[in-house]
Every structure is written in structure tokens, then in C-alpha cells.
Amino acid sequence: QVHLVQSGGGSVQAGGSLRLSCKISGATSIRYCMAWFRQVPGKEREGVASIDNDGTTSYVDSVKGRFTISQDKTKNILYLQMNNLKPEDTAMYYCAAEFGDYVFRASGPQPGDFDYWGQGTQVTVSS
């Protein structure tokens, strides 16, 4: 059974940094795509960044140059390093994973392409 357990997040002032982690267990294939999404109340879930088993990454335009997605394959942990945070980055952040035949989108991940989700962690950026 696949489980994604998130940690990290919290509150920070604009310009600050945070790192999110997502521990993944029960992977069903060596082929996979993992991603970070975010959502604010009343809005659709937005793809932030993705990375596949080859290490290919994609980012939504609004975070390019500020956020970095990475993975530690030995520990099965997905990371999202967020630098130069802005108030508009405030949201609930979710990690997600898909195994086997996945869809990789250069413009950033889409929620419907992922079957497995973390529990979410709040990121709040104050001005």
C-alpha cells in the first residue's frame, strides 16, 4: 500500500525560505512521477513542480527560480525547497505520486494525473 507522509511547512515572512518533505513508502514501480501541489480555499488545486524517476523536473512559471524539487532515492523522500517566498505562495501544500505509466507535463503537473496524495501541510507567508 502506498503512503505519502508530509513534514515541514509553517509560517515565514516574505523573502524567507521553507523546505517541505514527503516520505513515500510502498512504491509499486521503479517508474514514477512525484509532484507538489498547492491549494487555497475556494480555488482549484495548482501544480507547483514535478520530478520523475530520471530526475527530469518541471515547474509552474510562478515558482521558477525560487522553488526547487528534488528527491533522495535512498530514503524515498521528496523535497520542495522554497526560497524568496511571497505572500501569494500561502496555501496548503500537497505531495503526490504516480507509478508505472505516468504523464509528465513540462508546464507543470496536473492533479488528475496522480493517484496517491500526502495529507497536506500549511505554508503561510506574511508580508
Protein backbone atom coordinates (compact mmCIF):
# COMPACT_ATOMS: atom_id res chain seq x y z
CA GLN A 1 0.00 0.00 0.00
CA VAL A 2 1.34 3.41 -0.97
CA HIS A 3 1.69 6.03 1.75
CA LEU A 4 2.87 9.62 1.49
CA VAL A 5 3.63 11.39 4.76
CA GLN A 6 4.48 15.06 4.68
CA SER A 7 6.51 17.21 7.06
CA GLY A 8 7.77 20.76 7.08
CA GLY A 9 5.88 23.92 6.31
CA GLY A 10 4.89 26.62 8.76
CA SER A 11 4.91 30.40 8.82
CA VAL A 12 7.57 32.72 7.44
CA GLN A 13 7.95 36.33 6.43
CA ALA A 14 8.18 37.33 2.80
CA GLY A 15 11.63 36.67 1.41
CA GLY A 16 12.17 33.74 3.73
CA SER A 17 12.65 30.05 2.99
CA LEU A 18 10.99 26.79 3.92
CA ARG A 19 11.53 23.16 2.97
CA LEU A 20 8.79 20.58 2.61
CA SER A 21 9.43 16.83 2.81
CA CYS A 22 7.35 13.87 1.71
CA LYS A 23 8.26 10.33 2.77
CA ILE A 24 6.97 7.76 0.31
CA SER A 25 6.51 4.08 1.11
CA GLY A 26 5.02 1.16 -0.77
CA ALA A 27 6.17 2.24 -4.25
CA THR A 28 4.75 -0.09 -6.89
CA SER A 29 7.13 0.62 -9.77
CA ILE A 30 10.64 1.91 -10.46
CA ARG A 31 8.98 4.21 -12.97
CA TYR A 32 7.26 7.11 -11.25
CA CYS A 33 6.50 10.77 -11.21
CA MET A 34 6.22 12.76 -7.99
CA ALA A 35 4.95 16.27 -7.57
CA TRP A 36 3.98 19.11 -5.30
CA PHE A 37 0.64 20.90 -5.48
CA ARG A 38 -0.91 23.73 -3.53
CA GLN A 39 -4.41 24.88 -2.85
CA VAL A 40 -6.07 27.88 -1.25
CA PRO A 41 -9.69 27.81 -0.09
CA GLY A 42 -12.12 28.34 -2.91
CA LYS A 43 -9.60 27.70 -5.66
CA GLU A 44 -8.56 24.66 -7.64
CA ARG A 45 -5.50 22.68 -6.69
CA GLU A 46 -2.48 24.05 -8.58
CA GLY A 47 0.52 22.07 -9.73
CA VAL A 48 3.79 23.54 -8.46
CA ALA A 49 6.59 21.18 -9.54
CA SER A 50 7.22 17.61 -10.57
CA ILE A 51 10.13 15.20 -10.87
CA ASP A 52 10.30 11.77 -12.44
CA ASN A 53 12.49 8.72 -11.91
CA ASP A 54 15.03 10.08 -14.42
CA GLY A 55 15.30 13.32 -12.46
CA THR A 56 13.53 15.42 -15.07
CA THR A 57 11.78 18.36 -13.45
CA SER A 58 9.06 20.80 -14.34
CA TYR A 59 7.81 23.94 -12.61
CA VAL A 60 4.85 26.23 -12.89
CA ASP A 61 6.00 29.66 -14.10
CA SER A 62 5.18 31.45 -10.84
CA VAL A 63 7.78 29.49 -8.86
CA LYS A 64 10.58 29.13 -11.39
CA GLY A 65 13.88 30.35 -9.98
CA ARG A 66 12.52 30.28 -6.40
CA PHE A 67 11.44 26.68 -5.75
CA THR A 68 13.46 23.50 -6.26
CA ILE A 69 12.05 19.99 -6.31
CA SER A 70 14.41 17.14 -5.50
CA GLN A 71 14.42 13.57 -4.33
CA ASP A 72 16.54 11.33 -2.15
CA LYS A 73 16.15 7.95 -3.77
CA THR A 74 17.97 6.14 -0.97
CA LYS A 75 15.46 7.39 1.60
CA ASN A 76 12.41 7.63 -0.70
CA ILE A 77 11.89 11.27 0.26
CA LEU A 78 10.64 14.04 -1.97
CA TYR A 79 11.60 17.63 -1.15
CA LEU A 80 10.45 21.10 -2.11
CA GLN A 81 12.89 23.86 -1.24
CA MET A 82 11.09 27.18 -1.33
CA ASN A 83 13.16 30.37 -1.35
CA ASN A 84 12.22 34.03 -1.64
CA LEU A 85 8.70 33.20 -0.54
CA LYS A 86 5.90 35.61 -1.34
CA PRO A 87 2.50 36.14 0.35
CA GLU A 88 0.84 34.65 -2.75
CA ASP A 89 2.65 31.36 -2.02
CA THR A 90 0.43 30.95 1.05
CA ALA A 91 -1.52 27.71 0.62
CA MET A 92 -1.95 24.14 1.73
CA TYR A 93 0.77 22.14 0.01
CA TYR A 94 0.36 18.50 -1.02
CA CYS A 95 2.80 15.94 -2.36
CA ALA A 96 1.60 13.39 -4.89
CA ALA A 97 2.92 10.32 -6.67
CA GLU A 98 2.06 8.22 -9.67
CA PHE A 99 3.69 4.91 -10.59
CA GLY A 100 4.10 2.99 -13.81
CA ASP A 101 2.85 4.78 -16.91
CA TYR A 102 2.75 8.39 -15.78
CA VAL A 103 2.11 11.64 -17.62
CA PHE A 104 4.94 14.18 -17.44
CA ARG A 105 3.96 17.75 -18.31
CA ALA A 106 6.70 20.30 -18.99
CA SER A 107 4.35 23.12 -17.97
CA GLY A 108 3.86 21.63 -14.52
CA PRO A 109 1.85 18.76 -13.01
CA GLN A 110 -1.92 18.33 -13.16
CA PRO A 111 -3.86 16.86 -10.21
CA GLY A 112 -5.81 14.36 -12.31
CA ASP A 113 -2.59 12.58 -13.31
CA PHE A 114 -1.83 11.43 -9.74
CA ASP A 115 -3.42 8.70 -7.65
CA TYR A 116 -1.54 9.00 -4.37
CA TRP A 117 -1.52 12.03 -2.10
CA GLY A 118 0.02 13.26 1.12
CA GLN A 119 -2.03 14.70 3.97
CA GLY A 120 -1.16 18.32 3.25
CA THR A 121 0.85 20.90 5.14
CA GLN A 122 0.16 24.61 5.55
CA VAL A 123 2.57 27.26 4.33
CA THR A 124 1.83 30.84 5.38
CA VAL A 125 3.88 33.77 4.13
CA SER A 126 3.32 37.16 5.74
CA SER A 127 4.20 40.47 4.17
